[in-house]
Amino acid sequence: MTYRLADFDYALPPELIAQVPAAERSASRLLVVDGDELADERFVDLPRHLARGDLVVFNDTRVIKARAAGVKPTGGRVGMLVERIVGEREAWVQLRASHLPRVGTSIAFEGAQAEIVAREERLFLLRFAITESLPEWLDRHGEMPLPPYIARRADASDEARYQTVYARHPGAVAAPTAGLHFDAALLDALAAAGVATAQITLHVGAGTFQPVTHDDLARHRMHVERYDIPAATVDAIAGARARRSRIVAVGTTTLRALEAAAGDDGLPKAGWNETALFVTPGYRFRIVDALVTNFHLPRSTLLMLVSAFAGYETIRAAYAHAIADRYRFFSYGDAMLLTRRGGGSIRDQSA
């Protein structure tokens, strides 16, 4: 079947868009989707659905303070959102201004001057005149980049809560939000249950919020994101395969990195690379067996990805159930546990 953009639309009551996180990370709700079966649980129940030997793979990127305000030589204000850092002092950014500046323009930020050295459609390449690294400068002068559907300014609490507890490598401008539900106690519970863990790093770009504008999905072009697959993670996946255990990706970013790096042998290739992988129904998954994910925006590439993973009709039914049962949606919202279509059942280990 050929899908069009309108096939991934749905009506969401605005009050279901979570504006703040749950009081405790693992206290959020978890919709377990196992084929046609749906179960309403709490995220803290996740270990019951994993078996000893299963491998859970996390994205350990760290969100940087990617928003900053500047001034053009004319005195006009400029809003900046980093898309991705490409050097010690260079980054591709989105700019917002009444009149967008041209290549060669210098923009004054707090503690820095930046020159526009190139432009590609909606993105500008800025070179910063600073003595420290760009992530260090942003950490002192930037603001946490909450998603556009959160209708408030970031505050001090977001610096902790819009960050996973295992975040290590700075570079993301949006959180890998499925990981926001994990706390230290839940990670300990996974270890106690004999569930193995591993990490990848994918620096999420602002393009994750880029809308799909073409009704013909084949015409959409994905944003590019950098990722790293450590050799230890490749070995962990090979070990899980050898013992016939499942690979569980925490978040669509983890899934994209693993699938983009997948070789013909069903293992990801180690090292740094870039991906513009666009997953739509019909895609053949080679590594990931189960997926922990949040609820995604209508008409988004991420909704298309989970529809490819669990099945289009399955996701439609799950989202209808979640809306009727008043789940919280998007970055600070609740979560789902999905099994890959045709990949076997999610097992409840409590029986």
Protein backbone atom coordinates (compact mmCIF):
# COMPACT_ATOMS: atom_id res chain seq x y z
CA MET A 1 0.00 0.00 0.00
CA THR A 2 1.17 3.51 -0.82
CA TYR A 3 0.74 5.94 2.06
CA ARG A 4 0.23 9.69 1.74
CA LEU A 5 0.84 12.44 4.25
CA ALA A 6 -2.84 12.65 5.20
CA ASP A 7 -2.73 9.00 6.32
CA PHE A 8 -0.64 10.08 9.31
CA ASP A 9 -2.94 12.80 10.59
CA TYR A 10 -4.98 12.61 13.78
CA ALA A 11 -6.90 15.02 15.99
CA LEU A 12 -5.31 15.68 19.38
CA PRO A 13 -7.02 17.76 22.07
CA PRO A 14 -4.54 20.54 22.94
CA GLU A 15 -4.82 19.84 26.67
CA LEU A 16 -3.16 16.43 26.11
CA ILE A 17 0.11 18.09 25.04
CA ALA A 18 2.26 17.79 28.18
CA GLN A 19 3.68 21.17 29.21
CA VAL A 20 5.65 19.88 32.19
CA PRO A 21 7.17 16.49 33.02
CA ALA A 22 5.65 13.99 35.42
CA ALA A 23 6.54 14.56 39.08
CA GLU A 24 8.84 11.52 38.93
CA ARG A 25 10.44 10.24 35.72
CA SER A 26 9.33 6.59 35.94
CA ALA A 27 5.84 7.51 37.21
CA SER A 28 4.69 8.35 33.69
CA ARG A 29 2.24 5.99 32.00
CA LEU A 30 3.26 3.19 29.63
CA LEU A 31 1.00 1.88 26.88
CA VAL A 32 2.16 -1.64 26.03
CA VAL A 33 1.30 -2.41 22.41
CA ASP A 34 1.64 -6.08 21.49
CA GLY A 35 0.03 -6.63 18.12
CA ASP A 36 -3.70 -6.10 18.62
CA GLU A 37 -3.38 -6.17 22.42
CA LEU A 38 -3.12 -2.95 24.43
CA ALA A 39 -2.29 -2.73 28.14
CA ASP A 40 -2.29 0.41 30.32
CA GLU A 41 0.62 0.34 32.76
CA ARG A 42 3.19 2.56 34.46
CA PHE A 43 6.68 3.08 33.11
CA VAL A 44 8.11 1.59 36.28
CA ASP A 45 6.56 -1.72 35.07
CA LEU A 46 8.89 -1.88 32.05
CA PRO A 47 11.22 -4.58 33.49
CA ARG A 48 8.28 -7.03 33.64
CA HIS A 49 8.14 -6.99 29.85
CA LEU A 50 11.82 -7.74 29.33
CA ALA A 51 13.60 -11.06 29.68
CA ARG A 52 16.96 -11.88 31.21
CA GLY A 53 19.53 -11.38 28.49
CA ASP A 54 17.57 -8.81 26.49
CA LEU A 55 19.68 -5.82 25.44
CA VAL A 56 18.35 -2.27 25.97
CA VAL A 57 20.18 0.35 23.90
CA PHE A 58 20.14 4.01 25.01
CA ASN A 59 21.11 7.24 23.25
CA ASP A 60 23.53 8.99 25.61
CA THR A 61 23.61 12.34 23.83
CA ARG A 62 23.38 15.43 26.01
CA VAL A 63 21.18 18.41 25.15
CA ILE A 64 23.06 21.68 24.81
CA LYS A 65 21.63 25.13 25.52
CA ALA A 66 21.01 25.70 21.84
CA ARG A 67 18.93 28.90 21.88
CA ALA A 68 20.45 32.37 22.02
CA ALA A 69 19.46 35.94 21.13
CA GLY A 70 21.62 38.26 19.07
CA VAL A 71 21.61 41.66 17.37
CA LYS A 72 22.38 42.54 13.74
CA PRO A 73 24.54 45.59 12.86
CA THR A 74 21.29 47.41 12.03
CA GLY A 75 20.08 46.86 15.60
CA GLY A 76 17.50 44.29 14.58
CA ARG A 77 17.04 41.33 16.90
CA VAL A 78 17.90 37.78 15.84
CA GLY A 79 16.83 34.54 17.45
CA MET A 80 19.19 31.60 16.96
CA LEU A 81 18.56 27.87 17.34
CA VAL A 82 21.53 25.59 16.72
CA GLU A 83 20.76 22.78 14.27
CA ARG A 84 24.07 20.96 14.60
CA ILE A 85 27.62 21.79 15.65
CA VAL A 86 30.14 21.01 12.90
CA GLY A 87 33.38 22.26 14.45
CA GLU A 88 34.89 23.71 17.61
CA ARG A 89 33.40 27.12 16.77
CA GLU A 90 31.04 26.52 13.84
CA ALA A 91 27.43 25.42 13.65
CA TRP A 92 24.53 25.23 11.25
CA VAL A 93 21.70 27.20 12.83
CA GLN A 94 18.17 28.41 12.24
CA LEU A 95 17.74 32.18 12.47
CA ARG A 96 14.57 34.12 13.14
CA ALA A 97 14.40 37.83 12.35
CA SER A 98 12.08 40.35 10.70
CA HIS A 99 14.58 40.41 7.82
CA LEU A 100 16.93 37.45 7.60
CA PRO A 101 20.59 38.51 7.42
CA ARG A 102 22.81 37.78 4.43
CA VAL A 103 26.03 35.80 4.16
CA GLY A 104 28.87 37.95 5.50
CA THR A 105 26.74 39.61 8.18
CA SER A 106 28.15 39.71 11.71
CA ILE A 107 25.77 39.05 14.60
CA ALA A 108 26.53 40.14 18.17
CA PHE A 109 25.66 37.66 20.91
CA GLU A 110 26.39 37.92 24.61
CA GLY A 111 30.11 37.19 24.91
CA ALA A 112 30.61 36.49 21.20
CA GLN A 113 30.52 37.73 17.63
CA ALA A 114 29.45 35.34 14.89
CA GLU A 115 29.76 35.69 11.12
CA ILE A 116 27.39 34.08 8.64
CA VAL A 117 29.70 32.22 6.26
CA ALA A 118 27.19 30.17 4.25
CA ARG A 119 23.50 29.49 3.77
CA GLU A 120 21.63 26.40 2.60
CA GLU A 121 17.89 27.04 2.31
CA ARG A 122 16.63 27.59 5.88
CA LEU A 123 20.00 26.93 7.58
CA PHE A 124 22.88 29.36 8.16
CA LEU A 125 26.49 28.41 8.89
CA LEU A 126 27.83 30.61 11.72
CA ARG A 127 31.48 30.94 12.70
CA PHE A 128 31.89 32.20 16.28
CA ALA A 129 34.78 34.38 17.46
CA ILE A 130 35.25 32.82 20.90
CA THR A 131 38.19 31.42 22.84
CA GLU A 132 36.30 28.45 24.26
CA SER A 133 34.48 25.67 22.42
CA LEU A 134 31.00 26.38 21.10
CA PRO A 135 29.29 23.93 23.53
CA GLU A 136 31.09 25.65 26.42
CA TRP A 137 29.98 29.09 25.24
CA LEU A 138 26.40 27.90 24.79
CA ASP A 139 26.42 26.37 28.27
CA ARG A 140 27.18 29.82 29.73
CA HIS A 141 25.07 32.00 27.45
CA GLY A 142 22.40 29.82 25.84
CA GLU A 143 18.94 28.61 26.84
CA MET A 144 17.55 25.06 26.93
CA PRO A 145 15.69 24.53 23.63
CA LEU A 146 12.23 23.29 24.61
CA PRO A 147 10.12 22.08 21.66
CA PRO A 148 7.81 24.58 19.92
CA TYR A 149 4.64 22.90 21.26
CA ILE A 150 5.62 23.63 24.88
CA ALA A 151 4.04 27.03 25.38
CA ARG A 152 6.39 28.47 27.98
CA ARG A 153 9.99 29.56 28.41
CA ALA A 154 12.48 27.05 29.74
CA ASP A 155 13.23 27.42 33.44
CA ALA A 156 15.84 26.01 35.82
CA SER A 157 13.95 22.75 36.29
CA ASP A 158 14.13 22.00 32.55
CA GLU A 159 17.92 21.96 32.69
CA ALA A 160 17.62 18.68 34.61
CA ARG A 161 14.33 17.25 33.37
CA TYR A 162 14.84 17.87 29.63
CA GLN A 163 17.93 15.69 29.93
CA THR A 164 18.27 11.95 30.44
CA VAL A 165 19.94 10.77 33.65
CA TYR A 166 22.56 8.96 31.53
CA ALA A 167 23.35 11.87 29.17
CA ARG A 168 27.10 12.05 28.52
CA HIS A 169 28.11 13.56 25.18
CA PRO A 170 26.93 17.16 24.50
CA GLY A 171 25.65 17.95 21.03
CA ALA A 172 21.87 17.44 20.82
CA VAL A 173 19.47 20.35 20.44
CA ALA A 174 16.43 18.22 21.32
CA ALA A 175 16.20 15.49 23.93
CA PRO A 176 15.89 11.81 23.05
CA THR A 177 12.61 11.94 24.93
CA ALA A 178 11.89 8.24 25.38
CA GLY A 179 14.88 8.20 27.71
CA LEU A 180 13.44 10.90 29.98
CA HIS A 181 11.34 8.24 31.76
CA PHE A 182 14.35 6.35 33.13
CA ASP A 183 15.70 7.13 36.60
CA ALA A 184 18.48 5.52 38.61
CA ALA A 185 16.10 3.14 40.40
CA LEU A 186 14.67 1.85 37.12
CA LEU A 187 18.13 1.34 35.65
CA ASP A 188 19.03 -0.64 38.77
CA ALA A 189 15.84 -2.70 38.37
CA LEU A 190 16.82 -3.59 34.79
CA ALA A 191 20.26 -4.70 35.94
CA ALA A 192 18.75 -6.77 38.77
CA ALA A 193 16.49 -8.49 36.23
CA GLY A 194 19.48 -9.53 34.14
CA VAL A 195 18.72 -7.09 31.32
CA ALA A 196 21.85 -5.92 29.53
CA THR A 197 22.37 -2.31 28.43
CA ALA A 198 24.47 -0.51 25.82
CA GLN A 199 24.78 3.00 24.39
CA ILE A 200 24.92 4.81 21.09
CA THR A 201 25.26 8.55 20.58
CA LEU A 202 23.06 10.41 18.10
CA HIS A 203 23.01 14.18 18.36
CA VAL A 204 19.38 15.09 17.75
CA GLY A 205 19.01 18.11 15.48
CA ALA A 206 16.29 20.75 15.39
CA GLY A 207 15.22 19.16 12.11
CA THR A 208 13.47 16.49 14.16
CA PHE A 209 10.60 19.03 14.33
CA GLN A 210 10.74 19.74 10.59
CA PRO A 211 7.25 19.26 9.14
CA VAL A 212 6.54 17.00 6.19
CA THR A 213 5.10 19.25 3.51
CA HIS A 214 4.73 16.92 0.51
CA ASP A 215 1.72 14.65 0.25
CA ASP A 216 3.99 12.30 -1.70
CA LEU A 217 6.28 10.99 1.05
CA ALA A 218 8.97 10.06 -1.46
CA ARG A 219 9.62 13.78 -2.01
CA HIS A 220 10.43 14.51 1.66
CA ARG A 221 14.09 14.98 2.53
CA MET A 222 15.19 14.18 6.07
CA HIS A 223 17.58 16.31 8.10
CA VAL A 224 21.08 14.92 8.66
CA GLU A 225 22.15 13.76 12.13
CA ARG A 226 25.54 12.51 13.34
CA TYR A 227 25.79 9.33 15.35
CA ASP A 228 28.39 7.04 16.90
CA ILE A 229 28.12 3.28 17.45
CA PRO A 230 30.81 2.13 19.93
CA ALA A 231 32.52 -1.17 19.24
CA ALA A 232 31.33 -2.38 22.67
CA THR A 233 27.72 -1.87 21.55
CA VAL A 234 28.29 -3.87 18.36
CA ASP A 235 29.71 -6.68 20.54
CA ALA A 236 26.73 -6.46 22.90
CA ILE A 237 24.29 -6.76 19.99
CA ALA A 238 26.19 -9.73 18.60
CA GLY A 239 26.05 -11.35 22.05
CA ALA A 240 22.29 -10.78 22.32
CA ARG A 241 21.77 -12.29 18.89
CA ALA A 242 23.89 -15.31 19.82
CA ARG A 243 21.73 -16.00 22.89
CA ARG A 244 18.53 -15.27 20.88
CA SER A 245 17.63 -12.28 23.03
CA ARG A 246 15.90 -9.14 21.83
CA ILE A 247 17.37 -5.76 20.96
CA VAL A 248 15.24 -3.02 22.58
CA ALA A 249 15.83 0.54 21.33
CA VAL A 250 15.03 3.39 23.71
CA GLY A 251 13.72 6.04 21.36
CA THR A 252 13.45 6.59 17.65
CA THR A 253 16.90 8.21 17.61
CA THR A 254 18.49 5.00 18.88
CA LEU A 255 16.53 2.99 16.34
CA ARG A 256 17.56 5.29 13.47
CA ALA A 257 21.23 5.06 14.40
CA LEU A 258 21.20 1.26 14.68
CA GLU A 259 19.23 0.74 11.47
CA ALA A 260 21.28 3.30 9.54
CA ALA A 261 24.47 1.52 10.58
CA ALA A 262 23.13 -1.99 9.94
CA GLY A 263 25.26 -4.24 7.76
CA ASP A 264 24.24 -7.26 5.74
CA ASP A 265 25.13 -9.44 8.73
CA GLY A 266 22.42 -7.79 10.85
CA LEU A 267 24.95 -5.97 13.02
CA PRO A 268 25.65 -2.22 13.06
CA LYS A 269 29.03 -0.98 11.91
CA ALA A 270 31.04 0.78 14.62
CA GLY A 271 32.16 4.38 14.44
CA TRP A 272 30.93 7.88 13.63
CA ASN A 273 28.70 8.45 10.64
CA GLU A 274 25.76 10.56 9.45
CA THR A 275 22.23 9.50 8.60
CA ALA A 276 19.25 10.96 6.78
CA LEU A 277 17.32 7.70 7.03
CA PHE A 278 13.58 8.17 6.47
CA VAL A 279 11.61 5.17 7.74
CA THR A 280 8.11 4.68 6.35
CA PRO A 281 5.80 1.63 6.20
CA GLY A 282 7.40 -1.06 4.10
CA TYR A 283 10.88 -0.56 5.59
CA ARG A 284 12.60 -3.82 6.57
CA PHE A 285 14.10 -3.56 10.06
CA ARG A 286 17.36 -5.46 10.50
CA ILE A 287 18.36 -4.95 14.14
CA VAL A 288 15.68 -3.63 16.51
CA ASP A 289 13.04 -6.01 17.93
CA ALA A 290 11.21 -3.73 20.39
CA LEU A 291 10.97 0.02 20.84
CA VAL A 292 10.34 2.35 23.79
CA THR A 293 8.99 5.62 22.43
CA ASN A 294 6.83 8.63 23.26
CA PHE A 295 3.74 9.71 21.32
CA HIS A 296 4.56 11.71 18.20
CA LEU A 297 3.11 14.68 16.34
CA PRO A 298 0.52 14.24 13.59
CA ARG A 299 1.99 14.08 10.08
CA SER A 300 5.52 13.68 11.48
CA THR A 301 8.35 11.47 10.28
CA LEU A 302 8.47 9.87 13.73
CA LEU A 303 4.83 8.82 13.52
CA MET A 304 5.64 7.27 10.15
CA LEU A 305 8.60 5.44 11.70
CA VAL A 306 6.57 3.85 14.52
CA SER A 307 3.84 2.95 12.01
CA ALA A 308 6.46 1.13 9.97
CA PHE A 309 7.76 -0.61 13.08
CA ALA A 310 4.55 -1.80 14.76
CA GLY A 311 2.13 -1.67 11.82
CA TYR A 312 0.03 1.18 10.50
CA GLU A 313 -3.35 -0.05 11.80
CA THR A 314 -1.80 -1.05 15.13
CA ILE A 315 -0.49 2.48 15.71
CA ARG A 316 -3.78 4.05 14.63
CA ALA A 317 -5.62 1.93 17.19
CA ALA A 318 -3.02 2.62 19.91
CA TYR A 319 -3.19 6.40 19.40
CA ALA A 320 -6.99 6.37 19.41
CA HIS A 321 -6.89 4.45 22.70
CA ALA A 322 -4.31 6.82 24.19
CA ILE A 323 -6.37 9.89 23.31
CA ALA A 324 -9.57 8.35 24.68
CA ASP A 325 -7.76 7.36 27.89
CA ARG A 326 -6.17 10.81 28.30
CA TYR A 327 -2.51 9.91 27.93
CA ARG A 328 -0.07 12.84 27.87
CA PHE A 329 1.58 13.47 24.50
CA PHE A 330 4.95 14.50 23.06
CA SER A 331 8.29 15.27 24.75
CA TYR A 332 7.17 15.54 28.38
CA GLY A 333 4.34 13.05 27.89
CA ASP A 334 3.82 9.33 28.42
CA ALA A 335 5.43 6.39 26.64
CA MET A 336 4.73 3.29 24.60
CA LEU A 337 6.42 -0.10 24.39
CA LEU A 338 6.12 -1.50 20.86
CA THR A 339 7.07 -4.84 19.40
CA ARG A 340 8.22 -5.04 15.80
CA ARG A 341 5.52 -6.25 13.47
CA GLY A 342 6.22 -9.90 12.76
CA GLY A 343 8.98 -9.93 15.35
CA GLY A 344 7.30 -11.93 18.14
CA SER A 345 5.42 -10.98 21.26
CA ILE A 346 6.40 -8.63 24.09
CA ARG A 347 6.78 -10.98 27.02
CA ASP A 348 5.36 -10.20 30.45
CA GLN A 349 7.87 -11.73 32.88
CA SER A 350 5.61 -11.38 35.92
CA ALA A 351 3.67 -14.58 35.22
